[in-house]
Every structure is written in structure tokens, then in C-alpha cells.
Amino acid sequence: MLNVLVAACALILTFPLVWIVMMSLKQQSEVMTWPPTFIFTPTLENFRVLFDVAQAGATSYGTIKG
């Protein structure tokens, strides 16, 4: 019974981290859809835009400038 309780707590505590990673891999238009989709085509475009200094002024969200 203790193992089941620990496993349930582990799932509850890791869900927000999994959710954040999933949202970072979705396209910007898919992030706010309702109901949320759990099956999608992942993209790394968000990370490319985040770290691309050349597009720093062309995005609507933050860019890490080097």
C-alpha cells in the first residue's frame, strides 16, 4: 500500500514538469487550445526563436540576447 501511495504522489508531483515540457514543444497556436491536446507534432521552433539573436525584435515573446 505504501508503494502505491508513493507512486501516486510521484505522478502528482511530476505532472507540472511534464506539462511545462509539453507546452514548450507545441506550436504557439496549440498552447491555449481547449480542450488541451496530448497528441501533437512536437517542434523546437520556440527554442530556436528564444535563442536566435537575429530575431530578437521580430517576436512577441522574450528572447535571450547574447
N, C-alpha and C. Protein backbone atom coordinates (compact mmCIF):
# COMPACT_ATOMS: atom_id res chain seq x y z
N MET A 1 0.82 -1.19 0.00
CA MET A 1 0.00 0.00 0.00
C MET A 1 0.87 1.26 0.00
N LEU A 2 1.97 1.22 0.72
CA LEU A 2 2.88 2.37 0.76
C LEU A 2 3.47 2.64 -0.61
N ASN A 3 3.80 1.60 -1.36
CA ASN A 3 4.36 1.77 -2.70
C ASN A 3 3.36 2.46 -3.63
N VAL A 4 2.11 2.10 -3.51
CA VAL A 4 1.06 2.72 -4.33
C VAL A 4 0.92 4.20 -3.97
N LEU A 5 0.97 4.51 -2.70
CA LEU A 5 0.88 5.90 -2.26
C LEU A 5 2.07 6.72 -2.75
N VAL A 6 3.26 6.16 -2.68
CA VAL A 6 4.46 6.86 -3.15
C VAL A 6 4.38 7.07 -4.67
N ALA A 7 3.93 6.07 -5.40
CA ALA A 7 3.80 6.19 -6.85
C ALA A 7 2.77 7.26 -7.22
N ALA A 8 1.65 7.31 -6.51
CA ALA A 8 0.63 8.32 -6.77
C ALA A 8 1.17 9.72 -6.48
N CYS A 9 1.88 9.88 -5.41
CA CYS A 9 2.48 11.19 -5.07
C CYS A 9 3.52 11.59 -6.13
N ALA A 10 4.30 10.65 -6.60
CA ALA A 10 5.31 10.94 -7.62
C ALA A 10 4.64 11.41 -8.91
N LEU A 11 3.56 10.78 -9.29
CA LEU A 11 2.84 11.20 -10.50
C LEU A 11 2.25 12.60 -10.34
N ILE A 12 1.68 12.87 -9.20
CA ILE A 12 1.09 14.18 -8.95
C ILE A 12 2.16 15.27 -8.96
N LEU A 13 3.31 14.99 -8.39
CA LEU A 13 4.37 16.00 -8.30
C LEU A 13 5.10 16.21 -9.62
N THR A 14 5.18 15.20 -10.47
CA THR A 14 5.88 15.35 -11.74
C THR A 14 4.99 15.88 -12.87
N PHE A 15 3.68 15.84 -12.68
CA PHE A 15 2.78 16.29 -13.75
C PHE A 15 3.03 17.73 -14.19
N PRO A 16 3.23 18.70 -13.29
CA PRO A 16 3.50 20.07 -13.74
C PRO A 16 4.77 20.18 -14.60
N LEU A 17 5.79 19.44 -14.28
CA LEU A 17 7.02 19.47 -15.08
C LEU A 17 6.78 18.89 -16.47
N VAL A 18 6.04 17.80 -16.54
CA VAL A 18 5.70 17.19 -17.83
C VAL A 18 4.85 18.16 -18.64
N TRP A 19 3.91 18.83 -17.98
CA TRP A 19 3.04 19.80 -18.66
C TRP A 19 3.86 20.94 -19.26
N ILE A 20 4.82 21.45 -18.52
CA ILE A 20 5.67 22.56 -18.99
C ILE A 20 6.48 22.12 -20.21
N VAL A 21 7.05 20.95 -20.16
CA VAL A 21 7.83 20.45 -21.30
C VAL A 21 6.92 20.26 -22.51
N MET A 22 5.73 19.71 -22.30
CA MET A 22 4.80 19.53 -23.41
C MET A 22 4.43 20.88 -24.03
N MET A 23 4.16 21.88 -23.22
CA MET A 23 3.77 23.18 -23.75
C MET A 23 4.93 23.83 -24.51
N SER A 24 6.15 23.60 -24.07
CA SER A 24 7.29 24.20 -24.76
C SER A 24 7.54 23.57 -26.12
N LEU A 25 7.03 22.36 -26.34
CA LEU A 25 7.22 21.67 -27.60
C LEU A 25 6.05 21.86 -28.57
N LYS A 26 5.00 22.54 -28.14
CA LYS A 26 3.85 22.80 -29.01
C LYS A 26 4.06 24.09 -29.78
N GLN A 27 3.32 24.22 -30.89
CA GLN A 27 3.31 25.48 -31.61
C GLN A 27 2.54 26.50 -30.79
N GLN A 28 2.82 27.76 -31.01
CA GLN A 28 2.22 28.81 -30.20
C GLN A 28 0.70 28.79 -30.28
N SER A 29 0.14 28.45 -31.42
CA SER A 29 -1.31 28.42 -31.57
C SER A 29 -1.96 27.24 -30.84
N GLU A 30 -1.20 26.19 -30.56
CA GLU A 30 -1.74 24.99 -29.90
C GLU A 30 -1.71 25.08 -28.38
N VAL A 31 -0.95 26.00 -27.85
CA VAL A 31 -0.76 26.07 -26.40
C VAL A 31 -2.05 26.39 -25.66
N MET A 32 -2.84 27.30 -26.18
CA MET A 32 -4.04 27.75 -25.48
C MET A 32 -5.33 27.10 -25.97
N THR A 33 -5.25 26.03 -26.74
CA THR A 33 -6.46 25.38 -27.23
C THR A 33 -7.20 24.67 -26.10
N TRP A 34 -8.54 24.63 -26.22
CA TRP A 34 -9.36 23.91 -25.25
C TRP A 34 -10.28 22.99 -25.98
N PRO A 35 -10.33 21.74 -25.65
CA PRO A 35 -9.59 21.03 -24.61
C PRO A 35 -8.13 20.83 -25.03
N PRO A 36 -7.25 20.69 -24.06
CA PRO A 36 -5.83 20.52 -24.39
C PRO A 36 -5.59 19.24 -25.17
N THR A 37 -4.66 19.31 -26.10
CA THR A 37 -4.31 18.12 -26.88
C THR A 37 -3.04 17.50 -26.30
N PHE A 38 -3.08 16.20 -26.19
CA PHE A 38 -1.91 15.48 -25.67
C PHE A 38 -1.15 14.77 -26.78
N ILE A 39 -1.76 14.69 -27.96
CA ILE A 39 -1.10 14.12 -29.12
C ILE A 39 -0.91 15.25 -30.12
N PHE A 40 0.34 15.59 -30.41
CA PHE A 40 0.66 16.70 -31.30
C PHE A 40 2.01 16.45 -31.93
N THR A 41 2.31 17.23 -32.96
CA THR A 41 3.62 17.15 -33.60
C THR A 41 4.56 18.11 -32.89
N PRO A 42 5.57 17.59 -32.20
CA PRO A 42 6.46 18.48 -31.45
C PRO A 42 7.33 19.33 -32.38
N THR A 43 7.66 20.51 -31.91
CA THR A 43 8.51 21.43 -32.66
C THR A 43 9.53 22.07 -31.72
N LEU A 44 10.69 22.35 -32.25
CA LEU A 44 11.72 23.05 -31.48
C LEU A 44 11.81 24.52 -31.90
N GLU A 45 10.84 24.98 -32.68
CA GLU A 45 10.82 26.36 -33.17
C GLU A 45 10.84 27.37 -32.03
N ASN A 46 10.15 27.07 -30.93
CA ASN A 46 10.12 28.01 -29.80
C ASN A 46 11.51 28.24 -29.23
N PHE A 47 12.32 27.18 -29.16
CA PHE A 47 13.67 27.31 -28.63
C PHE A 47 14.58 28.02 -29.62
N ARG A 48 14.37 27.78 -30.92
CA ARG A 48 15.17 28.45 -31.94
C ARG A 48 14.92 29.96 -31.88
N VAL A 49 13.67 30.36 -31.77
CA VAL A 49 13.33 31.78 -31.68
C VAL A 49 13.85 32.37 -30.37
N LEU A 50 13.76 31.62 -29.30
CA LEU A 50 14.19 32.12 -28.00
C LEU A 50 15.67 32.47 -27.99
N PHE A 51 16.49 31.63 -28.61
CA PHE A 51 17.94 31.84 -28.55
C PHE A 51 18.52 32.51 -29.80
N ASP A 52 17.69 32.85 -30.78
CA ASP A 52 18.18 33.47 -32.01
C ASP A 52 18.24 34.99 -31.82
N VAL A 53 19.43 35.53 -31.78
CA VAL A 53 19.62 36.96 -31.56
C VAL A 53 19.10 37.76 -32.75
N ALA A 54 19.18 37.21 -33.95
CA ALA A 54 18.78 37.93 -35.15
C ALA A 54 17.28 38.24 -35.14
N GLN A 55 16.47 37.41 -34.51
CA GLN A 55 15.04 37.63 -34.48
C GLN A 55 14.57 38.29 -33.18
N ALA A 56 15.48 38.88 -32.46
CA ALA A 56 15.14 39.42 -31.14
C ALA A 56 14.02 40.45 -31.20
N GLY A 57 14.00 41.28 -32.22
CA GLY A 57 12.96 42.30 -32.31
C GLY A 57 11.73 41.85 -33.06
N ALA A 58 11.76 40.65 -33.65
CA ALA A 58 10.68 40.22 -34.52
C ALA A 58 9.69 39.31 -33.83
N THR A 59 9.85 39.05 -32.54
CA THR A 59 8.95 38.11 -31.86
C THR A 59 8.08 38.84 -30.86
N SER A 60 7.00 38.18 -30.48
CA SER A 60 6.09 38.77 -29.50
C SER A 60 6.37 38.26 -28.10
N TYR A 61 7.39 37.46 -27.93
CA TYR A 61 7.76 36.96 -26.62
C TYR A 61 9.25 37.08 -26.42
N GLY A 62 9.71 36.87 -25.21
CA GLY A 62 11.09 37.17 -24.83
C GLY A 62 12.16 36.45 -25.61
N THR A 63 13.27 37.08 -25.76
CA THR A 63 14.42 36.49 -26.43
C THR A 63 15.64 36.70 -25.55
N ILE A 64 16.42 35.66 -25.39
CA ILE A 64 17.65 35.75 -24.63
C ILE A 64 18.73 36.27 -25.57
N LYS A 65 19.23 37.45 -25.27
CA LYS A 65 20.24 38.07 -26.13
C LYS A 65 21.62 37.81 -25.57
N GLY A 66 22.53 37.50 -26.46
CA GLY A 66 23.89 37.19 -26.03
C GLY A 66 24.84 38.31 -26.20
